[in-house]
Amino acid sequence: MNLDLTDEQTAALIGLLSRAIDDDRYPLGPRVRVLEDILAKLRPEPKREPQPPLRNYDPPRMGRYRRRR
């Protein structure tokens, strides 16, 4: 089903869903999850760029840091 909503109608629906999610007694309940899924379809979050890969830091080699006698 495809809804052709105007910008004003979409903003009103987003406000209604946001209020319903914020005011719900059970924030982790199945009803809230369904409402959050609907809200995500109306207002998708911008895609984030992937983070650079983590660097592999090896411990210092034994030869460089010898204990003095």
Protein backbone atom coordinates (compact mmCIF):
# COMPACT_ATOMS: atom_id res chain seq x y z
CA MET A 1 0.00 0.00 0.00
CA ASN A 2 1.34 3.38 -0.98
CA LEU A 3 0.08 6.50 0.76
CA ASP A 4 0.31 9.79 -1.08
CA LEU A 5 0.57 12.26 1.77
CA THR A 6 1.31 15.95 1.59
CA ASP A 7 4.17 17.40 3.62
CA GLU A 8 1.71 18.75 6.18
CA GLN A 9 0.01 15.37 6.57
CA THR A 10 3.35 13.61 6.91
CA ALA A 11 4.50 16.08 9.58
CA ALA A 12 1.25 15.59 11.51
CA LEU A 13 1.57 11.81 11.33
CA ILE A 14 5.21 11.95 12.47
CA GLY A 15 4.25 14.19 15.40
CA LEU A 16 1.41 11.87 16.39
CA LEU A 17 3.61 8.78 16.24
CA SER A 18 6.42 10.48 18.17
CA ARG A 19 4.01 11.56 20.92
CA ALA A 20 2.47 8.09 21.10
CA ILE A 21 5.92 6.49 21.42
CA ASP A 22 7.13 8.98 24.06
CA ASP A 23 3.97 8.79 26.18
CA ASP A 24 3.58 5.01 26.11
CA ARG A 25 3.68 3.26 29.47
CA TYR A 26 5.70 0.31 28.15
CA PRO A 27 8.55 1.69 26.01
CA LEU A 28 9.81 -1.77 25.03
CA GLY A 29 6.42 -3.26 24.26
CA PRO A 30 5.40 -4.72 20.90
CA ARG A 31 3.04 -1.80 20.17
CA VAL A 32 5.86 0.72 20.48
CA ARG A 33 8.12 -1.37 18.26
CA VAL A 34 5.50 -1.37 15.52
CA LEU A 35 5.05 2.40 15.85
CA GLU A 36 8.84 2.91 15.70
CA ASP A 37 9.02 0.81 12.52
CA ILE A 38 6.29 2.95 10.93
CA LEU A 39 8.07 6.13 12.01
CA ALA A 40 11.34 4.85 10.52
CA LYS A 41 9.61 4.39 7.18
CA LEU A 42 8.20 7.92 7.26
CA ARG A 43 11.40 9.57 8.46
CA PRO A 44 14.41 7.44 7.45
CA GLU A 45 17.68 8.26 9.17
CA PRO A 46 20.55 9.41 6.96
CA LYS A 47 23.02 6.70 6.07
CA ARG A 48 26.22 6.86 8.05
CA GLU A 49 29.60 6.35 6.53
CA PRO A 50 31.34 3.22 7.79
CA GLN A 51 34.03 3.77 10.36
CA PRO A 52 37.62 3.07 9.36
CA PRO A 53 38.88 -0.38 10.32
CA LEU A 54 40.44 -0.72 13.74
CA ARG A 55 44.22 -0.68 13.86
CA ASN A 56 46.05 -3.66 15.19
CA TYR A 57 48.53 -2.53 17.82
CA ASP A 58 51.14 -5.15 18.66
CA PRO A 59 52.91 -5.07 22.00
CA PRO A 60 56.51 -3.78 21.93
CA ARG A 61 59.17 -6.33 21.12
CA MET A 62 61.31 -7.68 23.91
CA GLY A 63 64.60 -6.58 22.32
CA ARG A 64 63.85 -2.91 22.45
CA TYR A 65 62.86 -2.66 26.10
CA ARG A 66 65.29 -4.89 27.99
CA ARG A 67 65.53 -4.73 31.73
CA ARG A 68 68.78 -3.43 33.06
CA ARG A 69 70.72 -5.56 35.48
